[in-house]
N, C-alpha and C. Protein backbone atom coordinates (compact mmCIF):
# COMPACT_ATOMS: atom_id res chain seq x y z
N MET A 1 40.69 16.57 33.40
CA MET A 1 41.56 15.31 33.25
C MET A 1 40.93 14.46 34.88
N THR A 2 41.19 13.12 34.58
CA THR A 2 40.85 12.12 35.45
C THR A 2 41.88 11.99 36.29
N VAL A 3 41.91 12.24 37.76
CA VAL A 3 42.95 11.51 38.56
C VAL A 3 42.87 10.59 39.14
N THR A 4 43.58 9.85 39.22
CA THR A 4 43.67 8.13 39.99
C THR A 4 44.50 8.38 40.99
N LEU A 5 44.13 7.35 42.14
CA LEU A 5 45.43 6.79 42.55
C LEU A 5 46.78 6.53 41.98
N ALA A 6 46.57 6.01 40.72
CA ALA A 6 47.80 5.12 40.12
C ALA A 6 48.29 6.44 39.41
N THR A 7 47.64 7.21 39.12
CA THR A 7 48.26 8.53 38.62
C THR A 7 49.03 9.52 39.41
N LEU A 8 48.65 9.28 40.82
CA LEU A 8 49.42 10.13 41.65
C LEU A 8 50.58 9.40 42.02
N ALA A 9 50.39 8.05 42.20
CA ALA A 9 51.27 7.46 42.53
C ALA A 9 52.66 7.43 41.55
N ARG A 10 51.98 7.34 40.47
CA ARG A 10 53.40 7.17 39.31
C ARG A 10 54.13 9.03 39.21
N GLN A 11 53.08 9.62 39.24
CA GLN A 11 53.61 11.18 39.40
C GLN A 11 54.49 11.57 40.46
N THR A 12 54.40 11.17 41.83
CA THR A 12 55.26 11.34 42.85
C THR A 12 56.26 10.41 43.14
N GLY A 13 55.90 8.98 42.48
CA GLY A 13 56.56 7.92 43.08
C GLY A 13 56.85 7.08 44.31
N LEU A 14 55.62 7.54 45.05
CA LEU A 14 55.17 6.85 45.93
C LEU A 14 54.55 5.26 45.82
N THR A 15 54.53 4.84 46.88
CA THR A 15 53.68 3.64 46.39
C THR A 15 52.55 3.18 46.92
N VAL A 16 51.43 2.92 46.79
CA VAL A 16 50.15 2.77 47.91
C VAL A 16 49.89 0.97 48.06
N LEU A 17 49.25 1.33 49.04
CA LEU A 17 49.04 -0.27 49.65
C LEU A 17 48.06 -1.14 48.76
N ASP A 18 48.23 -2.31 48.43
CA ASP A 18 47.79 -3.04 47.73
C ASP A 18 45.80 -2.90 47.82
N HIS A 19 45.48 -2.98 49.17
CA HIS A 19 44.31 -3.13 49.34
C HIS A 19 43.51 -1.80 48.68
N LEU A 20 44.18 -0.96 48.70
CA LEU A 20 43.46 0.41 47.98
C LEU A 20 43.37 0.15 46.12
N GLU A 21 41.96 0.54 45.92
CA GLU A 21 41.48 0.66 44.44
C GLU A 21 42.04 1.81 43.78
N GLN A 22 43.05 1.30 42.77
CA GLN A 22 44.29 2.51 42.50
C GLN A 22 43.40 3.20 40.95
N SER A 23 42.28 2.49 40.52
CA SER A 23 41.87 2.84 39.45
C SER A 23 40.67 4.07 39.58
N ILE A 24 40.28 4.33 40.73
CA ILE A 24 38.95 4.77 41.12
C ILE A 24 39.36 6.96 40.89
N GLN A 25 38.27 7.55 40.59
CA GLN A 25 38.75 8.90 40.55
C GLN A 25 38.67 9.66 41.82
N ILE A 26 39.42 10.39 41.94
CA ILE A 26 39.77 10.97 43.41
C ILE A 26 38.99 12.29 43.65
N PRO A 27 38.23 11.95 44.51
CA PRO A 27 36.91 13.49 44.36
C PRO A 27 37.80 14.37 44.53
N VAL A 28 37.13 15.52 44.40
CA VAL A 28 37.96 17.01 44.82
C VAL A 28 36.63 18.00 45.61
N LEU A 29 36.76 18.29 46.92
CA LEU A 29 35.94 19.22 47.70
C LEU A 29 36.79 20.24 47.96
N ASP A 30 35.86 20.92 48.11
CA ASP A 30 36.12 22.27 48.68
C ASP A 30 35.74 22.74 50.41
N GLY A 31 35.69 21.87 50.92
CA GLY A 31 35.18 21.56 52.43
C GLY A 31 36.55 21.15 53.36
N PRO A 32 36.30 21.03 54.43
CA PRO A 32 37.39 20.13 55.30
C PRO A 32 37.46 18.82 55.05
N GLN A 33 38.72 18.27 54.95
CA GLN A 33 39.01 16.65 54.91
C GLN A 33 40.20 16.41 55.83
N ALA A 34 39.78 15.45 56.05
CA ALA A 34 40.79 14.69 57.27
C ALA A 34 41.31 12.96 56.49
N GLN A 35 42.82 12.87 56.84
CA GLN A 35 43.84 11.89 56.13
C GLN A 35 44.31 11.75 57.62
N GLY A 36 44.14 10.41 58.49
CA GLY A 36 44.69 10.11 59.29
C GLY A 36 45.04 11.16 60.49
N ASP A 37 46.01 11.73 60.71
CA ASP A 37 46.31 12.51 61.53
C ASP A 37 46.75 13.81 60.83
N LEU A 38 46.27 13.89 59.73
CA LEU A 38 46.02 15.62 59.42
C LEU A 38 44.89 15.80 58.71
N ILE A 39 44.86 17.18 59.14
CA ILE A 39 43.40 17.46 58.51
C ILE A 39 43.29 19.07 57.58
N VAL A 40 42.59 19.15 56.93
CA VAL A 40 42.72 20.21 56.06
C VAL A 40 41.65 20.94 55.89
N VAL A 41 41.81 22.43 56.07
CA VAL A 41 40.42 23.10 56.23
C VAL A 41 40.55 24.38 55.51
N PRO A 42 39.71 25.08 54.92
CA PRO A 42 39.90 26.00 54.18
C PRO A 42 40.04 27.30 55.11
N LEU A 43 41.35 28.18 54.75
CA LEU A 43 41.89 29.15 55.53
C LEU A 43 40.50 29.85 56.27
N ARG A 44 39.34 30.43 55.30
CA ARG A 44 38.32 31.15 55.62
C ARG A 44 37.28 30.46 57.24
N LEU A 45 37.79 29.58 57.31
CA LEU A 45 36.86 28.76 58.39
C LEU A 45 37.88 28.74 59.80
N VAL A 46 38.77 28.96 59.64
CA VAL A 46 40.11 29.21 60.45
C VAL A 46 40.66 30.54 60.59
N ALA A 47 40.10 31.63 60.22
CA ALA A 47 41.16 32.62 59.90
C ALA A 47 41.37 33.39 61.33
N ALA A 48 40.24 33.36 62.17
CA ALA A 48 40.02 33.66 63.40
C ALA A 48 41.76 33.39 64.05
N SER A 49 41.95 32.11 63.96
CA SER A 49 43.23 31.70 64.80
C SER A 49 44.46 31.41 64.02
N VAL A 50 44.59 31.58 62.49
CA VAL A 50 45.50 31.04 62.03
C VAL A 50 45.69 32.06 60.93
N GLN A 51 46.88 32.82 60.94
CA GLN A 51 47.71 33.75 60.40
C GLN A 51 48.51 33.32 59.15
N ILE A 52 48.72 34.12 57.91
CA ILE A 52 49.91 33.61 57.20
C ILE A 52 50.56 34.77 57.95
N ARG A 53 52.08 34.29 58.06
CA ARG A 53 52.72 35.58 58.46
C ARG A 53 53.34 36.90 57.21
N ASP A 54 53.93 38.12 57.88
CA ASP A 54 54.06 38.83 56.93
C ASP A 54 55.05 38.49 55.72
N ASP A 55 56.24 37.81 55.72
CA ASP A 55 56.98 37.39 55.20
C ASP A 55 57.24 35.71 54.90
N PRO A 56 55.97 35.15 54.10
CA PRO A 56 55.07 33.84 53.94
C PRO A 56 56.09 33.04 53.47
N ARG A 57 57.13 33.67 52.27
CA ARG A 57 58.43 32.31 51.66
C ARG A 57 57.17 31.88 51.15
N TRP A 58 56.57 31.74 50.32
CA TRP A 58 56.08 30.86 49.62
C TRP A 58 56.72 29.75 48.48
N GLN A 59 56.56 28.51 48.65
CA GLN A 59 57.22 27.45 47.80
C GLN A 59 56.37 27.12 46.85
N ALA A 60 56.61 26.75 45.27
CA ALA A 60 56.19 26.24 44.37
C ALA A 60 55.74 25.04 44.70
N VAL A 61 55.01 24.15 44.82
CA VAL A 61 54.73 22.83 44.96
C VAL A 61 55.04 21.76 43.61
N PRO A 62 56.06 21.34 43.86
CA PRO A 62 56.65 20.59 42.18
C PRO A 62 55.66 19.41 41.88
N PRO A 63 55.87 18.73 40.88
CA PRO A 63 54.82 17.78 40.37
C PRO A 63 55.08 16.36 41.58
N GLU A 64 56.08 16.45 41.97
CA GLU A 64 56.31 14.94 42.91
C GLU A 64 55.78 15.38 43.99
N GLY A 65 55.37 16.33 44.29
CA GLY A 65 54.96 16.62 45.83
C GLY A 65 55.60 17.27 46.66
N VAL A 66 55.03 17.75 47.71
CA VAL A 66 55.75 18.27 48.88
C VAL A 66 55.25 17.07 50.32
N GLU A 67 55.86 16.57 50.98
CA GLU A 67 55.43 16.10 52.28
C GLU A 67 55.34 16.84 53.15
N LEU A 68 54.03 16.82 53.72
CA LEU A 68 53.46 17.69 55.16
C LEU A 68 53.78 17.11 56.19
N LEU A 69 53.63 15.68 56.25
CA LEU A 69 53.66 15.25 57.75
C LEU A 69 54.08 13.44 57.51
N ARG A 70 54.74 13.18 58.15
CA ARG A 70 55.22 11.81 58.20
C ARG A 70 54.46 11.33 59.40
N GLY A 71 53.95 9.90 59.26
CA GLY A 71 53.38 9.47 60.39
C GLY A 71 54.22 9.18 61.47
N ALA A 72 53.38 8.83 62.48
CA ALA A 72 54.28 8.48 63.94
C ALA A 72 55.12 7.27 63.48
N ALA A 73 56.38 7.74 64.22
CA ALA A 73 57.79 6.63 64.05
C ALA A 73 57.90 6.33 62.94
N GLY A 74 58.29 7.67 62.13
CA GLY A 74 58.92 7.46 60.64
C GLY A 74 58.08 6.61 59.72
N GLY A 75 56.51 6.79 60.01
CA GLY A 75 55.76 5.85 59.00
C GLY A 75 55.43 6.70 57.73
N ASN A 76 54.32 6.47 57.01
CA ASN A 76 54.19 6.81 55.83
C ASN A 76 53.59 8.07 55.68
N PRO A 77 54.34 9.04 54.54
CA PRO A 77 54.01 10.41 54.23
C PRO A 77 52.79 10.63 54.11
N HIS A 78 52.04 12.39 54.15
CA HIS A 78 51.10 12.81 53.68
C HIS A 78 51.91 13.34 52.65
N THR A 79 51.72 13.60 51.39
CA THR A 79 52.28 14.42 50.27
C THR A 79 50.81 15.25 49.89
N LEU A 80 51.56 16.51 49.54
CA LEU A 80 50.63 17.35 48.59
C LEU A 80 51.15 17.51 47.09
N VAL A 81 49.87 17.25 46.55
CA VAL A 81 50.29 17.01 45.07
C VAL A 81 49.55 18.10 44.06
N ALA A 82 50.58 18.66 42.97
CA ALA A 82 49.69 19.55 42.47
C ALA A 82 50.40 19.51 40.96
N GLU A 83 49.65 19.94 39.99
CA GLU A 83 50.49 20.19 38.65
C GLU A 83 51.28 21.41 38.43
N PRO A 84 52.38 21.43 37.79
CA PRO A 84 53.31 23.00 37.68
C PRO A 84 52.28 24.17 37.62
N GLY A 85 53.07 24.84 38.64
CA GLY A 85 52.46 26.26 38.19
C GLY A 85 51.14 26.66 38.70
N THR A 86 50.29 25.71 39.67
CA THR A 86 49.06 25.89 40.03
C THR A 86 48.84 25.95 42.12
N CYS A 87 50.13 25.32 42.60
CA CYS A 87 49.71 25.42 43.76
C CYS A 87 51.38 26.29 44.76
N ARG A 88 51.43 26.38 45.70
CA ARG A 88 52.48 27.43 46.40
C ARG A 88 52.10 26.80 47.81
N TRP A 89 52.94 26.57 48.84
CA TRP A 89 52.96 26.09 49.89
C TRP A 89 54.16 27.07 51.04
N THR A 90 53.46 27.18 51.65
CA THR A 90 54.49 27.61 53.31
C THR A 90 54.42 27.38 54.80
N VAL A 91 55.01 27.32 55.30
CA VAL A 91 55.03 26.70 56.91
C VAL A 91 55.07 28.03 57.43
N ASN A 92 55.49 29.24 57.06
CA ASN A 92 55.45 30.62 57.76
C ASN A 92 54.02 30.87 58.24
N VAL A 93 53.54 30.21 58.97
CA VAL A 93 51.67 30.50 59.83
C VAL A 93 51.87 30.68 61.27
N SER A 94 51.16 31.72 61.49
CA SER A 94 50.83 31.46 63.29
C SER A 94 49.35 30.56 63.40
N ASP A 95 49.39 29.68 64.38
CA ASP A 95 48.18 29.26 65.00
C ASP A 95 47.89 29.28 66.08
N ALA A 96 46.96 29.90 66.66
CA ALA A 96 47.04 30.29 68.34
C ALA A 96 46.49 28.82 68.80
N ASP A 97 45.74 27.62 67.80
CA ASP A 97 45.65 26.64 68.62
C ASP A 97 46.75 25.54 68.48
N GLY A 98 48.03 25.99 68.05
CA GLY A 98 49.12 25.01 67.95
C GLY A 98 49.11 23.92 67.14
N LEU A 99 47.74 23.86 66.07
CA LEU A 99 48.05 22.73 65.50
C LEU A 99 48.36 23.05 63.62
N ALA A 100 48.58 23.89 63.24
CA ALA A 100 48.93 24.17 62.06
C ALA A 100 50.33 23.81 61.54
N ILE A 101 50.44 23.33 60.46
CA ILE A 101 51.79 22.76 59.44
C ILE A 101 52.29 23.75 58.61
N GLY A 102 51.26 24.32 57.86
CA GLY A 102 51.22 25.20 57.13
C GLY A 102 50.22 25.44 56.33
N VAL A 103 50.08 26.29 54.93
CA VAL A 103 49.11 26.67 54.08
C VAL A 103 49.21 26.57 52.99
N PHE A 104 48.58 25.80 52.05
CA PHE A 104 48.80 26.01 50.50
C PHE A 104 47.68 26.86 49.99
N SER A 105 48.07 27.34 48.95
CA SER A 105 46.91 28.40 47.78
C SER A 105 46.79 27.43 46.55
N ALA A 106 45.95 27.13 45.85
CA ALA A 106 46.09 26.47 44.48
C ALA A 106 44.88 27.32 44.03
N SER A 107 45.73 27.38 42.67
CA SER A 107 44.69 27.89 41.51
C SER A 107 43.95 26.78 40.56
N ALA A 108 44.13 25.42 41.10
CA ALA A 108 43.20 24.44 40.36
C ALA A 108 43.60 23.14 41.50
N PRO A 109 42.80 22.27 41.01
CA PRO A 109 42.97 21.08 42.19
C PRO A 109 44.10 20.42 42.30
N VAL A 110 44.01 20.46 43.74
CA VAL A 110 45.47 19.70 44.03
C VAL A 110 44.97 18.39 45.15
N TYR A 111 46.00 17.76 45.36
CA TYR A 111 45.64 16.36 45.80
C TYR A 111 46.73 15.78 46.88
N LEU A 112 45.90 15.10 47.76
CA LEU A 112 46.74 14.61 48.92
C LEU A 112 46.88 13.35 48.94
N LEU A 113 47.98 12.85 49.17
CA LEU A 113 48.13 11.33 48.82
C LEU A 113 49.05 10.72 49.89
N HIS A 114 48.59 9.54 50.45
CA HIS A 114 48.97 8.72 51.40
C HIS A 114 48.97 7.35 51.13
N PRO A 115 49.97 6.68 51.59
CA PRO A 115 50.04 5.03 51.15
C PRO A 115 48.95 4.07 51.76
N GLU A 116 48.22 4.56 52.84
CA GLU A 116 47.23 3.63 53.40
C GLU A 116 46.03 4.27 53.02
N HIS A 117 46.10 5.16 53.20
CA HIS A 117 44.45 6.25 53.45
C HIS A 117 44.00 6.58 51.66
N GLY A 118 45.29 6.47 50.92
CA GLY A 118 44.74 6.60 49.46
C GLY A 118 44.72 8.25 48.95
N GLY A 119 43.93 9.02 48.41
CA GLY A 119 44.35 9.84 48.22
C GLY A 119 42.88 10.79 48.09
N SER A 120 42.94 12.19 47.91
CA SER A 120 41.82 12.92 48.15
C SER A 120 42.35 14.46 47.62
N GLY A 121 40.99 15.18 47.13
CA GLY A 121 41.61 16.31 46.02
C GLY A 121 40.82 17.71 46.81
N CYS A 122 41.63 18.85 46.85
CA CYS A 122 40.95 19.82 47.43
C CYS A 122 40.66 20.98 45.99
N ALA A 123 39.77 21.64 45.90
CA ALA A 123 39.61 22.63 44.86
C ALA A 123 40.25 23.94 45.15
N PRO A 124 40.32 24.48 44.09
CA PRO A 124 40.75 25.57 44.07
C PRO A 124 40.68 26.42 45.71
N GLY A 125 41.63 27.14 45.92
CA GLY A 125 41.37 27.96 47.29
C GLY A 125 42.72 28.00 47.89
N THR A 126 42.59 28.65 49.19
CA THR A 126 43.51 28.87 50.19
C THR A 126 43.27 27.42 51.53
N TYR A 127 44.21 26.81 51.70
CA TYR A 127 43.86 25.65 52.68
C TYR A 127 44.77 25.72 54.03
N VAL A 128 44.62 25.56 55.29
CA VAL A 128 45.19 25.04 56.19
C VAL A 128 45.82 23.79 56.38
N VAL A 129 47.02 23.47 56.49
CA VAL A 129 46.79 21.73 56.79
C VAL A 129 47.43 21.85 58.55
N ARG A 130 46.81 21.12 59.03
CA ARG A 130 46.67 21.05 60.41
C ARG A 130 46.99 19.68 61.07
N ARG A 131 47.50 19.22 62.44
CA ARG A 131 47.50 18.22 62.80
C ARG A 131 45.99 18.06 63.72
N GLN A 132 45.72 16.76 63.38
CA GLN A 132 44.07 16.50 64.37
C GLN A 132 44.98 16.52 65.74
N ARG A 133 43.67 16.51 66.33
CA ARG A 133 43.75 16.41 68.22
C ARG A 133 42.38 15.57 68.18
N GLU A 134 42.66 14.67 69.33
CA GLU A 134 41.63 14.10 70.22
C GLU A 134 41.27 14.26 71.67
N HIS A 135 40.12 14.25 71.64
CA HIS A 135 40.19 14.77 73.84
C HIS A 135 39.52 13.29 74.42
N GLU A 136 40.01 13.23 75.63
CA GLU A 136 39.68 12.19 76.39
C GLU A 136 39.17 13.20 77.37
N GLY A 137 38.24 13.16 78.14
CA GLY A 137 37.89 14.10 79.28
C GLY A 137 38.23 15.54 78.84
N ARG A 138 39.14 15.93 79.97
CA ARG A 138 39.48 17.19 79.53
C ARG A 138 40.92 17.06 79.07
N ARG A 139 41.27 16.11 78.87
CA ARG A 139 42.96 16.14 78.05
C ARG A 139 42.71 16.06 76.37
N ALA A 140 43.68 16.39 75.80
CA ALA A 140 44.03 16.46 74.29
C ALA A 140 44.92 16.07 74.19
N ARG A 141 45.15 15.22 73.03
CA ARG A 141 46.43 14.69 72.24
C ARG A 141 46.52 14.84 70.76
N LEU A 142 47.61 14.87 70.16
CA LEU A 142 47.30 14.77 69.17
C LEU A 142 46.93 13.27 68.79
N VAL A 143 46.56 13.36 67.56
CA VAL A 143 46.53 11.82 66.94
C VAL A 143 47.69 11.51 66.28
N ALA A 144 47.98 10.17 66.48
CA ALA A 144 49.04 9.65 65.96
C ALA A 144 48.70 8.47 65.18
N ASP A 145 49.33 8.82 63.91
CA ASP A 145 48.97 7.94 62.77
C ASP A 145 49.63 6.60 62.06
C-alpha cells in the first residue's frame, strides 16, 4: 500500500500546510530520523543509555495516531500513526541523557506526521523517541520547533 501525506492527514484528521506536496509517497527508513525538535532512533543504537522500565504498560497506537510531542508554545503536534494492531507505545522509559519521550515497537511500517514538516516512515522495529538538543559552546539546550 502506498502511503502519502494526504492518506495520513485523512486517517488522523490533522491538517498539513499547503506548501507540502500531499501526493508524494512517504519513504520508510530503518535508521535515525529527525523531524523538527524530535528525533527517532532505533533502540539498539542507544540501548546503553535508554531502557524500557520493568512495567512498561504498552498502549496500542490507534489509527488516528498518538501525539508524541507538541511544538513550543502550543505549536503543531508530532503524531505517530500506525495501522491497527501493528504498533505499541510506552512512556515508561529511563534515559541517562534525559531526552527520551518514549519508545514504540512496530511490526509494520509506521509514520510520523507533522503539519509543517510532513511525514516520514519507520520500518518495523523498536525505536526511541527523543527530544533533540543543540550545543552552543559548552551549553546545550532543547531544540524548539
